[in-house]
Amino acid sequence: MNIAILGAGAWGTALSVSLAASHQVTLWARNGLLAAEIGSSRRNSRYLPEVPIPASIAITDTLAGALAESDAVLIATPSSQLRDVLARVRASGPARPVLWACKGFEQGSNKLPHQVAADVIGKDAACGALSGPSFALEVAQGRPTALTLASRDAEFAKRMALGLHQPSLRVYSSSDLMGVEISGAVKNVMAIACGISDGLELGLNARAALITRGLAELTQLGVAPGGRSETFMGLAGVGDLILTCIGELSRNRRVGQRLALGDPLDTILKQLGHVAEGVYSAPAVEALAEGKKIDMPITKAVCSVLFRGLAPREAAQQLLARDPKTED
């Protein structure tokens, strides 16, 4: 299969390296200087410097060139760029299968990626989301990883999952697009909470409690708009939640750790060098929960720290001071 991967950040680069073992891959970088550097050095020194990029991967900064011979498109940009890239793909010529590997809500509209795709390329388009527990570096290094490919069209999901599946990158299919994308958005918010807890040195017990109660929040929010409960116990749900909350490579967890140390959010985001989607998803998650009348205290605490000036330690104390309730 000839795959155009749009977005040369860490995730797009990692997917290119991984999929190049079985497919013809073209990697598109919006930034011409970055494309030129990757093409000449076969390294992405800005986003994934640790991993060499195979010579078989074509590098371009021209979207039309990336799409020209493609059988399928995989968009690996931040959520904020998805609408623009989808529009450019739609305008480029004949329709082709489109997947996206971004997670979170679109800023301003508070729409999930599949809702943005419905706006741009239509509800009946052959499209879906690639999600699940995956750090870019490990995928690029060929370490075993399992992902979920979700689409409203179950047969399309199965077909594309089979096409991308390989020994070190196992791809499972799902028809629960809503549940998979809710999971991908909410888990980043929970990772900020766990980072705050770890930064405050509250301990492993506290981290386990946050992950467990975070899963409860995620599941309640995901079921409300039609997600299936079993999705949240799978790779895209609890799998991605655990990885993002405990992994040393988690950007969202790192944001929480630095907030706990007293660093200003603006400084953290400038120095991070990558997008931490949980920061932008948190207000949308909180708004959706309020609209559905779902109690999400961890999410609310994270939003209060990020945007309402609440000190991280005070946020933790407020969570601990909540009245006890039945777990079920």
Protein backbone atom coordinates (compact mmCIF):
# COMPACT_ATOMS: atom_id res chain seq x y z
CA MET A 1 0.00 0.00 0.00
CA ASN A 2 1.21 3.53 -0.77
CA ILE A 3 0.57 5.63 2.34
CA ALA A 4 0.85 9.41 2.63
CA ILE A 5 1.58 10.38 6.24
CA LEU A 6 0.76 14.03 6.79
CA GLY A 7 2.61 15.61 9.70
CA ALA A 8 6.30 15.21 10.50
CA GLY A 9 6.14 15.56 14.26
CA ALA A 10 7.27 12.74 16.52
CA TRP A 11 4.15 10.63 15.91
CA GLY A 12 4.03 11.06 12.14
CA THR A 13 7.73 10.31 11.88
CA ALA A 14 7.41 7.23 14.08
CA LEU A 15 4.50 5.86 12.07
CA SER A 16 6.45 6.44 8.87
CA VAL A 17 9.44 4.47 10.17
CA SER A 18 7.24 1.65 11.44
CA LEU A 19 5.00 1.33 8.38
CA ALA A 20 7.88 1.63 5.90
CA ALA A 21 8.79 -1.97 6.70
CA SER A 22 5.70 -3.14 4.80
CA HIS A 23 4.49 -0.21 2.72
CA GLN A 24 5.65 2.58 0.45
CA VAL A 25 5.53 5.68 2.65
CA THR A 26 5.69 9.39 1.87
CA LEU A 27 6.09 11.76 4.84
CA TRP A 28 4.82 15.31 4.42
CA ALA A 29 6.24 18.13 6.55
CA ARG A 30 4.47 21.47 6.53
CA ASN A 31 7.79 23.19 7.23
CA GLY A 32 10.06 23.20 4.18
CA LEU A 33 13.23 23.55 6.23
CA LEU A 34 12.30 20.53 8.34
CA ALA A 35 11.52 18.50 5.22
CA ALA A 36 14.88 19.42 3.72
CA GLU A 37 16.73 18.51 6.90
CA ILE A 38 15.00 15.12 7.23
CA GLY A 39 15.64 14.39 3.56
CA SER A 40 19.36 15.15 3.76
CA SER A 41 20.26 13.85 7.22
CA ARG A 42 17.62 11.08 7.48
CA ARG A 43 16.93 12.30 11.02
CA ASN A 44 14.14 14.40 12.50
CA SER A 45 16.38 16.29 14.92
CA ARG A 46 13.54 18.44 16.22
CA TYR A 47 10.93 15.84 17.10
CA LEU A 48 12.50 12.37 17.04
CA PRO A 49 16.29 12.67 16.92
CA GLU A 50 16.98 9.21 18.33
CA VAL A 51 15.80 7.21 15.31
CA PRO A 52 17.23 7.07 11.76
CA ILE A 53 14.70 7.45 8.96
CA PRO A 54 14.95 4.76 6.26
CA ALA A 55 15.99 5.87 2.79
CA SER A 56 12.85 4.22 1.38
CA ILE A 57 10.65 6.92 2.96
CA ALA A 58 10.04 9.83 0.59
CA ILE A 59 10.10 13.25 2.25
CA THR A 60 8.25 16.26 0.86
CA ASP A 61 6.88 19.63 1.88
CA THR A 62 4.40 19.57 -1.02
CA LEU A 63 1.02 18.15 -0.09
CA ALA A 64 0.10 17.42 -3.69
CA GLY A 65 3.32 15.46 -4.08
CA ALA A 66 2.62 13.44 -0.94
CA LEU A 67 -0.89 12.57 -2.11
CA ALA A 68 -0.16 11.98 -5.79
CA GLU A 69 0.34 8.21 -5.70
CA SER A 70 -1.27 7.47 -2.33
CA ASP A 71 -3.73 4.66 -1.72
CA ALA A 72 -4.47 5.91 1.79
CA VAL A 73 -3.84 9.00 3.91
CA LEU A 74 -2.81 9.02 7.57
CA ILE A 75 -2.97 12.44 9.25
CA ALA A 76 -0.64 12.81 12.23
CA THR A 77 -0.92 16.53 12.93
CA PRO A 78 -2.15 18.08 16.21
CA SER A 79 -5.94 18.25 16.50
CA SER A 80 -5.83 21.99 15.89
CA GLN A 81 -4.59 21.40 12.32
CA LEU A 82 -6.89 18.54 11.39
CA ARG A 83 -9.65 20.61 9.78
CA ASP A 84 -7.26 22.47 7.50
CA VAL A 85 -5.40 19.34 6.43
CA LEU A 86 -8.64 17.44 5.76
CA ALA A 87 -9.87 20.31 3.59
CA ARG A 88 -6.66 20.24 1.59
CA VAL A 89 -6.88 16.48 1.17
CA ARG A 90 -10.49 16.77 -0.02
CA ALA A 91 -9.53 19.44 -2.55
CA SER A 92 -6.57 17.43 -3.86
CA GLY A 93 -8.48 15.05 -6.09
CA PRO A 94 -10.16 11.63 -5.94
CA ALA A 95 -11.39 10.41 -2.57
CA ARG A 96 -9.16 7.91 -0.79
CA PRO A 97 -9.30 6.30 2.67
CA VAL A 98 -8.35 8.78 5.39
CA LEU A 99 -7.16 7.98 8.89
CA TRP A 100 -6.09 10.35 11.63
CA ALA A 101 -3.83 9.72 14.60
CA CYS A 102 -4.54 12.89 16.58
CA LYS A 103 -6.41 12.90 19.89
CA GLY A 104 -8.42 15.55 21.67
CA PHE A 105 -11.00 18.21 20.91
CA GLU A 106 -10.78 20.95 18.31
CA GLN A 107 -10.29 24.29 20.01
CA GLY A 108 -13.23 26.63 19.58
CA SER A 109 -15.75 24.09 18.32
CA ASN A 110 -15.10 21.44 21.02
CA LYS A 111 -15.54 18.79 18.34
CA LEU A 112 -13.82 15.42 18.33
CA PRO A 113 -11.74 14.49 15.24
CA HIS A 114 -14.46 12.33 13.69
CA GLN A 115 -16.93 15.22 14.03
CA VAL A 116 -14.44 17.54 12.32
CA ALA A 117 -14.04 14.94 9.56
CA ALA A 118 -17.82 14.74 9.12
CA ASP A 119 -17.88 18.52 8.62
CA VAL A 120 -15.11 18.48 6.04
CA ILE A 121 -15.26 15.22 4.09
CA GLY A 122 -18.75 14.01 5.01
CA LYS A 123 -20.23 11.39 7.31
CA ASP A 124 -20.10 8.67 4.67
CA ALA A 125 -16.42 9.05 3.83
CA ALA A 126 -14.12 6.04 4.24
CA CYS A 127 -12.30 7.25 7.33
CA GLY A 128 -11.34 6.42 10.90
CA ALA A 129 -9.11 7.03 13.91
CA LEU A 130 -5.88 5.29 14.91
CA SER A 131 -5.52 5.35 18.68
CA GLY A 132 -4.24 3.39 21.66
CA PRO A 133 -1.28 3.22 24.07
CA SER A 134 1.75 4.30 22.07
CA PHE A 135 4.79 6.48 22.64
CA ALA A 136 6.29 7.61 19.35
CA LEU A 137 9.86 6.74 20.28
CA GLU A 138 9.05 3.10 21.07
CA VAL A 139 7.01 2.69 17.89
CA ALA A 140 9.89 4.07 15.82
CA GLN A 141 12.32 1.72 17.59
CA GLY A 142 10.17 -1.24 16.59
CA ARG A 143 9.17 -2.13 20.13
CA PRO A 144 5.90 -4.11 20.41
CA THR A 145 2.84 -1.84 20.34
CA ALA A 146 -0.89 -2.50 20.01
CA LEU A 147 -3.28 0.08 18.56
CA THR A 148 -6.98 0.37 17.79
CA LEU A 149 -8.32 1.50 14.42
CA ALA A 150 -11.88 2.74 14.83
CA SER A 151 -14.45 3.62 12.20
CA ARG A 152 -18.23 3.80 11.98
CA ASP A 153 -17.85 1.27 9.16
CA ALA A 154 -16.80 -1.97 10.86
CA GLU A 155 -15.69 -3.59 7.61
CA PHE A 156 -13.56 -0.60 6.68
CA ALA A 157 -11.96 -0.70 10.15
CA LYS A 158 -11.16 -4.40 9.77
CA ARG A 159 -9.74 -3.93 6.29
CA MET A 160 -7.50 -1.02 7.22
CA ALA A 161 -6.40 -2.64 10.48
CA LEU A 162 -5.35 -5.71 8.53
CA GLY A 163 -3.46 -3.56 6.05
CA LEU A 164 -1.48 -1.73 8.76
CA HIS A 165 -0.99 -4.73 11.04
CA GLN A 166 2.54 -6.10 11.39
CA PRO A 167 4.52 -8.08 14.00
CA SER A 168 5.73 -5.10 16.04
CA LEU A 169 2.63 -2.95 15.45
CA ARG A 170 -0.51 -4.94 16.17
CA VAL A 171 -3.65 -3.15 15.00
CA TYR A 172 -7.10 -4.14 16.26
CA SER A 173 -10.35 -2.86 14.75
CA SER A 174 -13.35 -1.24 16.42
CA SER A 175 -16.63 0.27 15.26
CA ASP A 176 -16.92 2.43 18.41
CA LEU A 177 -15.45 5.63 17.01
CA MET A 178 -17.06 7.81 19.70
CA GLY A 179 -15.75 5.71 22.57
CA VAL A 180 -12.23 5.51 21.15
CA GLU A 181 -12.00 9.27 20.62
CA ILE A 182 -13.47 10.18 24.00
CA SER A 183 -10.83 7.92 25.53
CA GLY A 184 -8.06 9.60 23.57
CA ALA A 185 -9.11 13.03 24.76
CA VAL A 186 -9.87 12.37 28.42
CA LYS A 187 -6.81 10.23 29.18
CA ASN A 188 -4.54 13.23 28.54
CA VAL A 189 -6.41 15.26 31.16
CA MET A 190 -5.99 12.42 33.66
CA ALA A 191 -2.28 12.27 32.86
CA ILE A 192 -1.92 15.92 33.90
CA ALA A 193 -3.61 15.02 37.19
CA CYS A 194 -1.23 12.11 37.73
CA GLY A 195 1.72 14.34 36.89
CA ILE A 196 0.59 16.81 39.53
CA SER A 197 0.27 13.99 42.05
CA ASP A 198 3.73 12.67 41.22
CA GLY A 199 5.21 16.16 41.30
CA LEU A 200 3.76 16.67 44.77
CA GLU A 201 5.23 13.26 45.77
CA LEU A 202 1.85 11.97 46.93
CA GLY A 203 2.93 8.41 46.23
CA LEU A 204 2.03 5.35 44.20
CA ASN A 205 -1.22 4.73 46.08
CA ALA A 206 -2.45 8.19 45.08
CA ARG A 207 -1.45 7.59 41.47
CA ALA A 208 -3.35 4.29 41.37
CA ALA A 209 -6.42 5.97 42.85
CA LEU A 210 -6.29 8.75 40.27
CA ILE A 211 -5.99 6.31 37.37
CA THR A 212 -8.88 4.20 38.67
CA ARG A 213 -11.20 7.10 39.38
CA GLY A 214 -10.04 8.72 36.15
CA LEU A 215 -11.18 5.63 34.29
CA ALA A 216 -14.56 5.97 35.99
CA GLU A 217 -14.84 9.59 34.80
CA LEU A 218 -13.74 8.65 31.29
CA THR A 219 -16.25 5.80 31.08
CA GLN A 220 -19.19 7.86 32.32
CA LEU A 221 -18.43 10.63 29.85
CA GLY A 222 -17.86 8.23 26.98
CA VAL A 223 -21.02 6.18 27.47
CA ALA A 224 -23.24 9.29 27.61
CA PRO A 225 -22.90 10.21 23.88
CA GLY A 226 -23.04 6.60 22.73
CA GLY A 227 -19.66 5.01 23.41
CA ARG A 228 -19.67 1.35 24.43
CA SER A 229 -18.54 0.46 27.94
CA GLU A 230 -16.25 -2.35 26.73
CA THR A 231 -14.23 0.15 24.70
CA PHE A 232 -13.04 1.83 27.88
CA MET A 233 -11.63 -1.45 29.17
CA GLY A 234 -9.60 -1.95 25.99
CA LEU A 235 -6.48 -0.56 24.36
CA ALA A 236 -7.91 2.87 23.54
CA GLY A 237 -9.40 3.22 27.02
CA VAL A 238 -7.62 1.81 30.05
CA GLY A 239 -4.53 0.87 28.01
CA ASP A 240 -3.86 4.40 26.80
CA LEU A 241 -4.88 5.85 30.16
CA ILE A 242 -2.33 3.78 32.09
CA LEU A 243 0.51 4.48 29.66
CA THR A 244 -0.09 8.23 29.58
CA CYS A 245 -0.47 8.49 33.35
CA ILE A 246 2.65 6.55 34.34
CA GLY A 247 5.02 6.71 31.36
CA GLU A 248 8.16 8.81 31.63
CA LEU A 249 7.72 9.81 27.97
CA SER A 250 4.24 11.27 28.58
CA ARG A 251 4.14 14.97 27.72
CA ASN A 252 0.88 15.54 29.57
CA ARG A 253 2.22 13.90 32.73
CA ARG A 254 5.30 16.12 32.43
CA VAL A 255 3.07 19.21 32.30
CA GLY A 256 1.44 18.13 35.58
CA GLN A 257 4.78 17.47 37.23
CA ARG A 258 6.06 20.92 36.38
CA LEU A 259 2.82 22.58 37.48
CA ALA A 260 3.30 20.87 40.85
CA LEU A 261 6.77 22.40 41.05
CA GLY A 262 5.29 25.87 40.56
CA ASP A 263 6.28 26.52 36.95
CA PRO A 264 3.88 28.78 34.98
CA LEU A 265 1.84 27.02 32.31
CA ASP A 266 3.02 29.32 29.51
CA THR A 267 6.65 28.57 30.33
CA ILE A 268 6.01 24.83 30.47
CA LEU A 269 4.34 24.77 27.06
CA LYS A 270 7.05 26.90 25.44
CA GLN A 271 9.82 24.65 26.75
CA LEU A 272 8.03 21.38 26.06
CA GLY A 273 8.69 21.53 22.32
CA HIS A 274 5.66 19.34 21.55
CA VAL A 275 1.89 19.75 21.83
CA ALA A 276 0.36 18.57 25.13
CA GLU A 277 -3.20 17.90 23.97
CA GLY A 278 -4.54 17.53 27.52
CA VAL A 279 -4.13 21.25 28.15
CA TYR A 280 -6.41 22.09 25.24
CA SER A 281 -8.82 19.19 25.78
CA ALA A 282 -9.45 19.86 29.47
CA PRO A 283 -11.93 22.76 29.02
CA ALA A 284 -13.85 20.83 26.36
CA VAL A 285 -14.01 17.73 28.58
CA GLU A 286 -15.26 19.85 31.49
CA ALA A 287 -17.86 21.56 29.30
CA LEU A 288 -19.10 18.25 27.88
CA ALA A 289 -19.38 16.80 31.38
CA GLU A 290 -21.36 19.79 32.59
CA GLY A 291 -23.66 19.55 29.59
CA LYS A 292 -24.27 15.85 30.30
CA LYS A 293 -24.59 16.52 34.07
CA ILE A 294 -21.74 14.13 34.82
CA ASP A 295 -19.65 14.68 37.94
CA MET A 296 -15.95 14.72 36.96
CA PRO A 297 -14.02 16.06 39.97
CA ILE A 298 -10.55 15.17 38.66
CA THR A 299 -11.21 16.98 35.39
CA LYS A 300 -12.58 19.99 37.25
CA ALA A 301 -9.52 20.07 39.52
CA VAL A 302 -7.17 19.96 36.52
CA CYS A 303 -9.05 22.83 34.85
CA SER A 304 -8.90 24.84 38.07
CA VAL A 305 -5.12 24.44 38.21
CA LEU A 306 -4.61 25.15 34.51
CA PHE A 307 -6.94 28.10 34.07
CA ARG A 308 -8.38 29.34 37.36
CA GLY A 309 -5.28 29.85 39.47
CA LEU A 310 -5.84 27.02 41.95
CA ALA A 311 -2.59 25.81 43.51
CA PRO A 312 -1.83 22.14 42.70
CA ARG A 313 -1.57 21.14 46.36
CA GLU A 314 -4.88 22.84 47.12
CA ALA A 315 -6.48 20.96 44.23
CA ALA A 316 -5.23 17.67 45.67
CA GLN A 317 -6.55 18.58 49.12
CA GLN A 318 -9.96 19.43 47.69
CA LEU A 319 -10.16 16.03 45.99
CA LEU A 320 -9.19 14.27 49.22
CA ALA A 321 -11.78 16.25 51.19
CA ARG A 322 -14.69 15.09 49.05
CA ASP A 323 -17.38 13.11 50.84
CA PRO A 324 -17.06 9.31 50.47
CA LYS A 325 -19.42 7.56 48.07
CA THR A 326 -20.14 4.06 46.82
CA GLU A 327 -17.74 2.93 44.12
CA ASP A 328 -20.49 1.53 41.90
